[in-house]
Protein backbone atom coordinates (compact mmCIF):
# COMPACT_ATOMS: atom_id res chain seq x y z
CA MET A 1 -21.93 -4.45 -29.35
CA GLN A 2 -22.29 -4.80 -33.06
CA GLY A 3 -22.91 -2.64 -35.83
CA SER A 4 -20.59 0.79 -36.67
CA VAL A 5 -18.02 2.68 -34.27
CA ILE A 6 -20.52 5.10 -34.07
CA ALA A 7 -23.24 3.74 -33.00
CA GLN A 8 -21.18 1.60 -30.33
CA ILE A 9 -19.74 5.07 -28.86
CA GLU A 10 -23.63 6.19 -28.94
CA ALA A 11 -24.21 3.29 -26.79
CA LEU A 12 -21.77 3.61 -24.53
CA GLN A 13 -23.27 7.50 -24.01
CA ARG A 14 -26.08 6.44 -22.88
CA MET A 15 -24.79 3.74 -20.30
CA SER A 16 -24.68 4.19 -16.47
CA VAL A 17 -21.46 4.36 -14.73
CA GLY A 18 -21.82 0.59 -13.52
CA GLU A 19 -22.94 -0.36 -17.48
CA LEU A 20 -19.41 0.90 -18.36
CA GLN A 21 -17.73 -0.32 -15.78
CA ALA A 22 -19.10 -3.37 -17.15
CA GLU A 23 -18.01 -3.28 -20.68
CA TRP A 24 -14.96 -2.14 -19.23
CA THR A 25 -14.18 -5.40 -17.78
CA ARG A 26 -15.46 -6.96 -20.94
CA LEU A 27 -13.34 -4.71 -23.45
CA TYR A 28 -10.31 -4.60 -21.09
CA GLY A 29 -10.42 -8.11 -19.64
CA GLU A 30 -10.31 -6.58 -16.36
CA PRO A 31 -12.29 -4.52 -13.48
CA SER A 32 -11.81 -0.96 -13.48
CA ARG A 33 -10.67 0.99 -10.58
CA SER A 34 -12.73 4.03 -11.98
CA ARG A 35 -16.00 5.43 -11.27
CA HIS A 36 -15.24 8.76 -13.10
CA ARG A 37 -17.91 8.92 -15.71
CA GLU A 38 -16.32 10.83 -18.21
CA TYR A 39 -12.42 8.74 -17.79
CA LEU A 40 -14.62 5.61 -18.35
CA LEU A 41 -16.03 6.64 -21.59
CA ARG A 42 -13.43 8.02 -22.85
CA ARG A 43 -11.42 5.07 -22.56
CA LEU A 44 -14.34 2.79 -23.59
CA CYS A 45 -14.54 4.57 -26.73
CA TRP A 46 -10.54 4.45 -27.49
CA ARG A 47 -10.64 0.99 -26.85
CA VAL A 48 -13.91 0.58 -29.43
CA GLN A 49 -11.97 2.46 -31.91
CA GLU A 50 -8.76 0.60 -31.52
CA ILE A 51 -10.39 -3.09 -31.57
CA ARG A 52 -12.70 -2.06 -34.82
CA LEU A 53 -10.04 0.63 -36.87
CA GLY A 54 -6.38 -1.20 -35.32
CA GLY A 55 -4.54 0.70 -32.67
CA LEU A 56 -1.54 3.29 -32.86
CA GLY A 57 0.90 2.52 -36.47
CA VAL A 58 4.41 1.27 -35.97
CA ALA A 59 5.55 4.73 -36.36
CA ALA A 60 3.67 5.85 -33.59
CA LYS A 61 4.48 2.80 -31.35
CA GLN A 62 8.73 3.41 -32.06
CA ARG A 63 7.72 7.57 -31.59
CA ILE A 64 6.49 6.38 -28.22
CA ALA A 65 9.20 4.13 -27.09
CA GLU A 66 11.88 6.76 -28.07
CA LEU A 67 10.57 9.28 -25.89
CA ALA A 68 9.63 7.20 -23.02
CA PRO A 69 12.36 6.21 -20.04
CA ALA A 70 12.25 2.68 -20.70
CA SER A 71 12.38 2.09 -16.66
CA PHE A 72 9.23 4.02 -15.70
CA VAL A 73 6.33 1.57 -15.59
CA ARG A 74 3.18 2.92 -13.97
CA ALA A 75 2.08 0.19 -11.71
CA ARG A 76 -0.16 -0.32 -8.84
CA VAL A 77 1.48 -2.23 -5.61
CA PRO A 78 -1.18 -5.02 -4.40
CA ALA A 79 -2.75 -4.28 -0.90
CA GLU A 80 -1.44 -7.51 0.55
CA PHE A 81 2.16 -6.62 -0.40
CA GLN A 82 4.68 -5.81 2.31
CA PRO A 83 7.86 -4.94 1.86
CA PRO A 84 10.66 -6.80 3.51
CA ALA A 85 11.91 -4.95 6.51
CA GLU A 86 15.17 -3.49 6.32
CA PRO A 87 17.86 -5.10 8.71
CA GLY A 88 19.38 -2.27 10.67
CA PRO A 89 19.39 -1.36 14.77
CA ALA A 90 16.81 -2.65 17.03
CA GLU A 91 13.34 -0.52 16.37
CA GLN A 92 13.40 2.75 17.49
CA PRO A 93 10.57 5.09 17.52
CA PRO A 94 10.38 7.61 15.19
CA ARG A 95 11.66 10.94 16.72
CA THR A 96 9.70 13.81 16.15
CA VAL A 97 11.03 17.29 14.63
CA ARG A 98 11.18 20.14 17.19
CA ASP A 99 9.69 23.27 15.76
CA PRO A 100 12.76 25.74 15.47
CA ARG A 101 10.86 28.45 15.96
CA LEU A 102 9.66 27.17 19.09
CA PRO A 103 11.13 29.37 22.85
CA SER A 104 13.69 26.53 24.56
CA PRO A 105 11.88 23.72 27.04
CA GLY A 106 10.95 24.96 30.22
CA THR A 107 9.72 28.60 28.56
CA VAL A 108 6.54 29.22 29.95
CA ILE A 109 4.26 31.34 27.14
CA THR A 110 0.44 33.04 28.48
CA ARG A 111 -1.99 34.42 27.02
CA GLN A 112 -5.52 35.84 28.21
CA TYR A 113 -8.61 34.24 26.49
CA HIS A 114 -12.19 34.92 27.16
CA GLY A 115 -11.12 35.79 31.06
CA ARG A 116 -9.31 33.30 31.49
CA GLU A 117 -5.25 32.55 31.62
CA ILE A 118 -3.98 30.06 29.19
CA ARG A 119 -0.35 28.87 30.80
CA VAL A 120 1.36 26.68 27.96
CA VAL A 121 5.05 24.93 28.83
CA VAL A 122 7.34 24.32 25.75
CA ILE A 123 8.76 20.61 26.22
CA GLU A 124 10.87 18.89 24.39
CA ASP A 125 8.54 17.42 22.23
CA GLY A 126 6.13 20.30 21.62
CA VAL A 127 4.03 22.16 24.23
CA GLU A 128 1.99 20.84 27.51
CA TRP A 129 -1.27 22.78 28.56
CA ASP A 130 -4.28 21.50 30.93
CA GLY A 131 -2.09 18.11 31.67
CA ARG A 132 -2.12 17.18 28.07
CA GLN A 133 0.34 17.16 25.21
CA PHE A 134 -0.04 19.17 22.05
CA GLY A 135 2.79 18.62 19.15
CA SER A 136 2.30 22.42 18.57
CA LEU A 137 1.04 25.99 19.59
CA SER A 138 -1.43 25.84 16.92
CA ALA A 139 -3.18 22.50 18.49
CA VAL A 140 -2.94 24.26 21.99
CA ALA A 141 -5.09 26.96 19.95
CA LYS A 142 -7.64 24.75 18.55
CA ALA A 143 -8.33 23.03 22.02
CA VAL A 144 -8.52 26.31 23.57
CA THR A 145 -11.22 28.42 20.62
CA GLY A 146 -12.54 25.61 18.77
CA GLN A 147 -10.75 27.18 15.61
CA LYS A 148 -8.20 26.92 13.96
CA TRP A 149 -5.82 29.39 14.86
CA ASN A 150 -1.79 29.85 14.22
CA GLY A 151 0.05 29.26 17.32
CA ARG A 152 2.56 31.55 17.12
CA LEU A 153 0.07 34.49 16.05
CA PHE A 154 -2.63 33.56 19.07
CA PHE A 155 0.43 33.42 21.74
CA GLY A 156 1.57 36.67 20.67
CA LEU A 157 4.83 35.16 19.05
CA THR A 158 4.57 36.39 16.13
CA GLN A 159 3.03 40.12 14.38
CA ARG A 160 0.20 39.83 11.38
CA ARG A 161 1.85 41.19 8.41
CA ARG A 162 -0.78 43.59 7.04
CA LYS A 163 -0.67 44.52 3.19
CA SER A 164 -0.38 48.17 2.59
């Protein structure tokens, strides 16, 4: 792109997202991770001005260095990166945290729904209904009704609070 900064910016505004990405690669030397047109356009307009007119002044760069913590670096971890395994005891499956609002294991909760009785047994890792295990009462309520429900409300363990 040759010519004045304004002419270059006007040319950028007429480009498609694909063309903006190609221009990004040309001006920044690496492919863009974004397909957001406004973001690409703003950053490319800045880059055109930076190349043509110069970047931030020395005083501005010094002020940024004063304000920004030196330890903070925004970086993207490569997709193929695998963190080293932490040494420790033999692999144990992750333990689910039991909802403390549920009754104690072994409790049977019943509810009538469209003429059929729904019987749920509270177990250590959640609840069991119809021979299947669920992580919460809400999951059972959704399986029964096909709709999202607050499980405690569906089974009558809590009352709906109405605003007066």
